[in-house]
Amino acid sequence: MDATFTLLQKALPGLQKNILLKNYTSFKIGGPAEYFLVTHNKNTIIKAIALAKKIQIPVFVLGGGTNLLVSDKGVKGLVVKIENHHPIAQKNNSCIEAGAGVLMKSLVSFSVEKSLQGLEWAGGLPGTFGGAIRGNAGAFGGETQDSILEVEALDEHLQVKKLNNKRCQFSYRNSVFKEKKWIVLSAKLQLKKGDKKELGRLAASHIAYRKQKHPLEYPSAGSVFKNVDFKKIPARFQTVFLDKVKKDPFEIVPAAWFIIGAGLTGKKIGRAEVSKKHSNYIINLGGAKATDVLKLIALVKKQIKKKYGIVLEQEVQFLK
C-alpha cells in the first residue's frame, strides 16, 4: 500500500500513479511520473504544490512539455500538469488575460480574431503561455516580453505575486520565473488594435515557414541551443558568420550554423539525430532514449567548443 499516494489522492482528486511522461512531451521520450495530476485552475495548482512541499516530495510543474527532455527512468515525486479550458478573456479594447496552461496557438488565434496586434510573431509557436513567459520565447523579431503587462506567479514561499513587466526581469530567453523557479499562473497582455486580415496573414506565414524549415514531422523539443550573441563570437570567426547575422532582437548568429560548420548535421546516436532539415533540432526517429539525446547534446557542445571556442547554452530542460 502506497501511503503517500493515498494521502495525496484524498486531497487531490484525479491524482494518478506511474503515468508515462513521454505521452506529455513533444519529444515523446520519458519514463513514468511517480504521481501525476492534471489541474485546471490556479487554486488546485497551489494546493498540490503546497501539499508536496509539506510531505517533502519533489514537485515539478509541467506545461506543454515542448522544451523538455525527461529521463528514461522517470521522475520521483509529483508532476502537476497545467491545463486551462476557455480561460482567455478580453479585459478591455486592447488587453487580454489568459491562464498559464493556454496553448500559444489558441492565444494567437484569439488575438487575431479580436483584431489585436502584438502576438502575430508567435504564429506556430508550440507550448503554453506560461512556458513562453518563463523562457521569454521569441521568433521573427518578436518576444513574449514585448506585450506583457502583468504576470501572476507563485513564488518559492507559495505566495501569489503580481509582477509588472519590469519586475519580470526579462532577458534573452530568460526571466525571473526561470531563474527563481517561480510558477507562472496567469498573465495580462497589452496589445493594440490592428487589421484582422493582415494579422491573420502574418501569423499564417510564420506557421508556414516553420512547417517548411523545421522538422515538425518528427518528435523534438524545438531548438536545443540558444542562438549566439554575435559579440561573443571570437573575432577570428566573426567574418565567417557575418552573412548569417540576424536580429533576435539583438544581433545573433543561429546556433544551427555552428553545428553545420562542425559537420554534425545528420549525426545519430541510437534513435536520436541532429536534424538534416534544421541543425539546431535533435529529432526522435522513433524509440529514441533520453540517454541518446543527452549524448548528442554533449557531443555538439564539445565539438563547437573545440572548433569555435564557443560554449553553446542549452535551451532544452532535462528532468530526472
Protein backbone atom coordinates (compact mmCIF):
# COMPACT_ATOMS: atom_id res chain seq x y z
CA MET A 1 0.00 0.00 0.00
CA ASP A 2 1.37 3.41 -1.02
CA ALA A 3 0.57 5.69 1.93
CA THR A 4 1.85 8.79 0.10
CA PHE A 5 -0.43 8.11 -2.87
CA THR A 6 -3.42 7.61 -0.55
CA LEU A 7 -2.68 10.88 1.23
CA LEU A 8 -2.25 12.83 -2.00
CA GLN A 9 -5.29 11.29 -3.67
CA LYS A 10 -7.51 12.17 -0.75
CA ALA A 11 -6.57 15.84 -1.05
CA LEU A 12 -6.19 15.88 -4.83
CA PRO A 13 -8.99 14.01 -6.62
CA GLY A 14 -7.89 12.84 -10.05
CA LEU A 15 -4.34 12.03 -8.94
CA GLN A 16 -2.79 9.16 -10.90
CA LYS A 17 0.21 6.94 -10.37
CA ASN A 18 3.06 5.85 -12.67
CA ILE A 19 1.94 7.84 -15.73
CA LEU A 20 4.35 7.79 -18.68
CA LEU A 21 5.61 11.30 -19.31
CA LYS A 22 6.62 10.57 -22.90
CA ASN A 23 2.91 10.98 -23.67
CA TYR A 24 3.04 14.55 -22.33
CA THR A 25 6.19 15.85 -24.05
CA SER A 26 6.76 16.85 -27.67
CA PHE A 27 9.94 14.70 -27.67
CA LYS A 28 7.84 11.56 -26.93
CA ILE A 29 10.60 10.48 -24.57
CA GLY A 30 10.49 9.81 -20.83
CA GLY A 31 9.64 7.32 -18.11
CA PRO A 32 6.81 7.48 -15.57
CA ALA A 33 5.91 10.18 -13.08
CA GLU A 34 5.55 8.60 -9.65
CA TYR A 35 2.45 10.75 -9.05
CA PHE A 36 0.67 12.77 -11.75
CA LEU A 37 -2.08 15.36 -11.55
CA VAL A 38 -3.82 17.35 -14.28
CA THR A 39 -5.03 20.72 -12.95
CA HIS A 40 -7.48 23.20 -14.47
CA ASN A 41 -7.31 26.13 -12.07
CA LYS A 42 -4.73 28.00 -10.01
CA ASN A 43 -6.19 27.03 -6.63
CA THR A 44 -5.57 23.34 -7.36
CA ILE A 45 -2.06 24.12 -8.60
CA ILE A 46 -1.24 25.98 -5.37
CA LYS A 47 -2.84 23.26 -3.22
CA ALA A 48 -0.89 20.49 -4.98
CA ILE A 49 2.47 22.26 -4.70
CA ALA A 50 1.85 23.17 -1.05
CA LEU A 51 0.98 19.57 -0.17
CA ALA A 52 4.01 18.17 -1.98
CA LYS A 53 6.28 20.55 -0.10
CA LYS A 54 4.58 19.73 3.21
CA ILE A 55 5.17 15.99 2.86
CA GLN A 56 8.62 16.68 1.38
CA ILE A 57 8.37 15.05 -2.03
CA PRO A 58 9.75 16.62 -5.23
CA VAL A 59 7.25 18.54 -7.34
CA PHE A 60 7.51 19.63 -10.98
CA VAL A 61 5.03 21.79 -12.86
CA LEU A 62 4.54 20.74 -16.48
CA GLY A 63 3.13 22.96 -19.21
CA GLY A 64 3.08 21.92 -22.85
CA GLY A 65 6.19 19.76 -22.50
CA THR A 66 7.65 21.30 -25.66
CA ASN A 67 11.03 22.33 -24.25
CA LEU A 68 11.61 19.30 -22.06
CA LEU A 69 13.59 16.07 -22.07
CA VAL A 70 12.50 13.57 -19.41
CA SER A 71 14.76 10.84 -18.02
CA ASP A 72 14.14 7.29 -19.24
CA LYS A 73 13.91 6.25 -15.58
CA GLY A 74 11.07 8.65 -14.94
CA VAL A 75 10.55 11.18 -12.19
CA LYS A 76 10.15 10.74 -8.45
CA GLY A 77 7.51 12.79 -6.65
CA LEU A 78 4.58 14.74 -8.06
CA VAL A 79 4.23 16.13 -11.59
CA VAL A 80 1.49 18.76 -11.89
CA LYS A 81 0.27 19.22 -15.47
CA ILE A 82 -1.33 22.63 -16.02
CA GLU A 83 -4.27 22.74 -18.42
CA ASN A 84 -6.77 25.56 -18.90
CA HIS A 85 -10.13 25.38 -20.61
CA HIS A 86 -11.65 28.51 -22.22
CA PRO A 87 -9.74 30.89 -19.93
CA ILE A 88 -8.82 33.66 -22.42
CA ALA A 89 -10.63 36.91 -21.67
CA GLN A 90 -10.61 40.34 -23.27
CA LYS A 91 -10.34 42.80 -20.38
CA ASN A 92 -10.82 45.96 -22.45
CA ASN A 93 -10.33 47.03 -26.06
CA SER A 94 -6.68 46.00 -26.24
CA CYS A 95 -5.88 43.98 -23.10
CA ILE A 96 -6.33 40.22 -22.81
CA GLU A 97 -5.77 37.86 -19.89
CA ALA A 98 -5.05 34.14 -20.00
CA GLY A 99 -4.06 31.27 -17.74
CA ALA A 100 -0.60 29.71 -17.91
CA GLY A 101 -1.95 26.49 -19.43
CA VAL A 102 -3.41 28.16 -22.52
CA LEU A 103 -1.73 26.95 -25.69
CA MET A 104 0.11 29.68 -27.57
CA LYS A 105 -1.67 28.76 -30.78
CA SER A 106 -5.01 29.44 -29.05
CA LEU A 107 -3.77 32.77 -27.74
CA VAL A 108 -2.51 33.85 -31.17
CA SER A 109 -5.81 32.82 -32.78
CA PHE A 110 -7.79 34.75 -30.14
CA SER A 111 -5.72 37.92 -30.64
CA VAL A 112 -6.11 37.76 -34.42
CA GLU A 113 -9.86 37.14 -34.12
CA LYS A 114 -10.15 40.23 -31.92
CA SER A 115 -8.01 42.30 -34.38
CA LEU A 116 -5.30 42.77 -31.74
CA GLN A 117 -1.71 43.29 -32.84
CA GLY A 118 1.35 42.09 -30.92
CA LEU A 119 1.29 38.28 -30.97
CA GLU A 120 1.33 37.51 -34.69
CA TRP A 121 5.10 36.80 -34.49
CA ALA A 122 4.17 33.72 -32.41
CA GLY A 123 2.26 32.01 -35.20
CA GLY A 124 3.22 28.33 -34.97
CA LEU A 125 4.98 28.72 -31.61
CA PRO A 126 4.48 25.48 -29.65
CA GLY A 127 3.77 25.11 -25.95
CA THR A 128 1.82 27.08 -23.40
CA PHE A 129 1.53 30.75 -22.48
CA GLY A 130 3.18 30.08 -19.12
CA GLY A 131 6.14 28.39 -20.78
CA ALA A 132 6.53 31.25 -23.25
CA ILE A 133 6.63 33.75 -20.37
CA ARG A 134 9.07 31.66 -18.33
CA GLY A 135 11.55 31.39 -21.21
CA ASN A 136 10.70 34.75 -22.82
CA ALA A 137 10.06 32.88 -26.07
CA GLY A 138 10.69 34.76 -29.26
CA ALA A 139 10.72 34.46 -33.04
CA PHE A 140 10.67 36.62 -36.17
CA GLY A 141 11.93 39.64 -34.22
CA GLY A 142 9.24 39.47 -31.51
CA GLU A 143 9.46 38.34 -27.90
CA THR A 144 6.93 37.46 -25.22
CA GLN A 145 8.11 40.36 -23.04
CA ASP A 146 7.07 42.89 -25.71
CA SER A 147 3.40 42.76 -24.74
CA ILE A 148 3.39 41.56 -21.10
CA LEU A 149 1.52 43.95 -18.81
CA GLU A 150 1.38 41.87 -15.63
CA VAL A 151 2.17 38.31 -14.56
CA GLU A 152 0.61 36.43 -11.67
CA ALA A 153 3.02 33.87 -10.22
CA LEU A 154 3.63 31.62 -7.24
CA ASP A 155 6.97 32.20 -5.52
CA GLU A 156 9.12 29.76 -3.55
CA HIS A 157 7.24 30.61 -0.34
CA LEU A 158 3.90 29.76 -2.01
CA GLN A 159 2.93 33.42 -2.05
CA VAL A 160 0.99 34.68 -5.07
CA LYS A 161 2.71 37.71 -6.58
CA LYS A 162 1.67 40.12 -9.31
CA LEU A 163 4.64 41.49 -11.24
CA ASN A 164 4.69 44.27 -13.79
CA ASN A 165 6.84 43.88 -16.91
CA LYS A 166 9.97 45.37 -15.32
CA ARG A 167 9.82 43.11 -12.27
CA CYS A 168 9.66 40.04 -14.53
CA GLN A 169 13.35 40.74 -15.32
CA PHE A 170 13.03 39.51 -18.88
CA SER A 171 16.23 38.90 -20.83
CA TYR A 172 17.17 36.76 -23.82
CA ARG A 173 15.15 33.53 -23.38
CA ASN A 174 15.06 34.12 -19.65
CA SER A 175 13.04 35.68 -16.82
CA VAL A 176 12.77 35.88 -13.04
CA PHE A 177 10.39 32.89 -13.22
CA LYS A 178 13.03 30.71 -14.83
CA GLU A 179 15.83 31.97 -12.57
CA LYS A 180 13.91 31.57 -9.30
CA LYS A 181 11.74 28.61 -10.34
CA TRP A 182 8.55 30.58 -9.73
CA ILE A 183 5.36 29.16 -11.22
CA VAL A 184 3.51 31.34 -13.73
CA LEU A 185 -0.25 31.17 -13.06
CA SER A 186 -1.68 33.74 -15.48
CA ALA A 187 -0.82 37.00 -17.23
CA LYS A 188 -2.24 40.08 -18.90
CA LEU A 189 -1.11 41.25 -22.31
CA GLN A 190 -1.28 44.82 -23.57
CA LEU A 191 -1.83 44.69 -27.33
CA LYS A 192 -3.04 47.29 -29.81
CA LYS A 193 -5.69 47.45 -32.48
CA GLY A 194 -4.66 46.12 -35.88
CA ASP A 195 -6.05 44.87 -39.16
CA LYS A 196 -7.51 41.41 -38.69
CA LYS A 197 -6.79 40.26 -42.23
CA GLU A 198 -3.15 41.40 -42.14
CA LEU A 199 -2.57 39.91 -38.67
CA GLY A 200 -4.00 36.60 -39.85
CA ARG A 201 -1.76 36.68 -42.92
CA LEU A 202 1.36 37.30 -40.82
CA ALA A 203 0.55 34.56 -38.30
CA ALA A 204 -0.18 32.10 -41.13
CA SER A 205 3.09 32.97 -42.90
CA HIS A 206 5.05 32.17 -39.73
CA ILE A 207 3.23 28.86 -39.35
CA ALA A 208 4.02 28.01 -42.98
CA TYR A 209 7.68 28.97 -42.50
CA ARG A 210 8.00 26.64 -39.51
CA LYS A 211 6.45 23.76 -41.45
CA GLN A 212 8.84 24.34 -44.33
CA LYS A 213 12.05 24.91 -42.37
CA HIS A 214 11.61 22.88 -39.18
CA PRO A 215 11.42 19.06 -38.90
CA LEU A 216 7.89 19.07 -37.47
CA GLU A 217 7.26 15.61 -38.92
CA TYR A 218 9.37 14.15 -36.09
CA PRO A 219 9.05 14.47 -32.30
CA SER A 220 11.51 17.02 -30.89
CA ALA A 221 11.82 19.72 -28.24
CA GLY A 222 12.39 22.54 -30.73
CA SER A 223 15.68 24.42 -30.74
CA VAL A 224 18.15 22.65 -28.47
CA PHE A 225 20.55 25.59 -28.05
CA LYS A 226 20.17 29.34 -27.69
CA ASN A 227 21.33 31.41 -30.63
CA VAL A 228 24.74 33.03 -30.15
CA ASP A 229 25.27 36.71 -29.39
CA PHE A 230 27.43 37.97 -32.26
CA LYS A 231 29.60 39.96 -29.83
CA LYS A 232 30.52 36.73 -28.01
CA ILE A 233 31.87 35.03 -31.11
CA PRO A 234 35.71 35.06 -31.15
CA ALA A 235 36.92 37.82 -33.51
CA ARG A 236 38.66 35.36 -35.86
CA PHE A 237 35.29 33.71 -36.62
CA GLN A 238 33.09 36.81 -36.82
CA THR A 239 33.84 37.41 -40.50
CA VAL A 240 32.99 33.74 -41.28
CA PHE A 241 29.47 34.20 -39.90
CA LEU A 242 28.91 37.84 -40.87
CA ASP A 243 26.35 36.94 -43.53
CA LYS A 244 24.44 34.76 -41.04
CA VAL A 245 23.70 37.56 -38.54
CA LYS A 246 20.04 38.09 -37.61
CA LYS A 247 18.19 40.40 -35.24
CA ASP A 248 16.64 38.34 -32.44
CA PRO A 249 16.11 41.06 -31.10
CA PHE A 250 19.84 41.93 -30.90
CA GLU A 251 22.47 40.66 -33.35
CA ILE A 252 22.80 36.88 -33.14
CA VAL A 253 24.04 34.01 -35.25
CA PRO A 254 21.67 31.00 -35.23
CA ALA A 255 23.25 28.07 -33.37
CA ALA A 256 22.45 25.84 -36.35
CA TRP A 257 25.24 27.46 -38.40
CA PHE A 258 27.91 26.40 -35.90
CA ILE A 259 26.51 22.86 -35.84
CA ILE A 260 26.58 22.77 -39.66
CA GLY A 261 30.12 24.19 -39.65
CA ALA A 262 31.28 21.45 -37.29
CA GLY A 263 29.89 18.80 -39.64
CA LEU A 264 27.39 17.46 -37.12
CA THR A 265 24.23 17.66 -39.25
CA GLY A 266 22.71 14.19 -39.53
CA LYS A 267 24.82 12.82 -36.67
CA LYS A 268 22.98 9.95 -34.97
CA ILE A 269 23.26 8.29 -31.59
CA GLY A 270 20.77 5.48 -31.12
CA ARG A 271 17.44 6.70 -32.49
CA ALA A 272 18.21 10.39 -31.90
CA GLU A 273 19.52 12.53 -34.77
CA VAL A 274 20.76 16.07 -35.37
CA SER A 275 18.13 17.05 -37.94
CA LYS A 276 19.20 17.42 -41.57
CA LYS A 277 16.36 19.92 -42.04
CA HIS A 278 17.26 22.21 -39.12
CA SER A 279 20.55 21.51 -37.37
CA ASN A 280 19.53 23.07 -34.04
CA TYR A 281 16.87 20.37 -33.67
CA ILE A 282 17.52 16.92 -32.30
CA ILE A 283 14.76 14.63 -33.51
CA ASN A 284 13.35 11.36 -32.23
CA LEU A 285 13.41 8.94 -35.17
CA GLY A 286 11.20 6.59 -33.17
CA GLY A 287 12.15 4.90 -29.93
CA ALA A 288 14.93 7.35 -29.02
CA LYS A 289 16.07 7.34 -25.40
CA ALA A 290 16.85 10.36 -23.25
CA THR A 291 20.39 9.00 -22.93
CA ASP A 292 20.75 9.13 -26.75
CA VAL A 293 19.70 12.79 -26.79
CA LEU A 294 21.97 13.70 -23.87
CA LYS A 295 24.96 12.10 -25.59
CA LEU A 296 24.23 14.04 -28.79
CA ILE A 297 23.89 17.31 -26.85
CA ALA A 298 27.22 16.67 -25.10
CA LEU A 299 28.90 15.83 -28.42
CA VAL A 300 27.62 19.00 -30.11
CA LYS A 301 28.73 21.19 -27.19
CA LYS A 302 32.19 19.58 -27.16
CA GLN A 303 32.74 19.92 -30.92
CA ILE A 304 31.52 23.54 -31.09
CA LYS A 305 33.76 24.49 -28.16
CA LYS A 306 36.71 22.77 -29.83
CA LYS A 307 36.17 24.27 -33.29
CA TYR A 308 34.88 27.77 -32.47
CA GLY A 309 35.71 28.40 -28.81
CA ILE A 310 32.01 28.93 -28.14
CA VAL A 311 30.06 27.39 -25.25
CA LEU A 312 26.55 26.75 -26.54
CA GLU A 313 23.79 27.39 -24.00
CA GLN A 314 21.18 24.67 -23.77
CA GLU A 315 17.52 25.69 -24.08
CA VAL A 316 16.01 22.24 -23.53
CA GLN A 317 15.44 21.39 -19.86
CA PHE A 318 16.35 17.91 -18.59
CA LEU A 319 14.05 16.45 -15.95
CA LYS A 320 15.19 13.46 -13.91
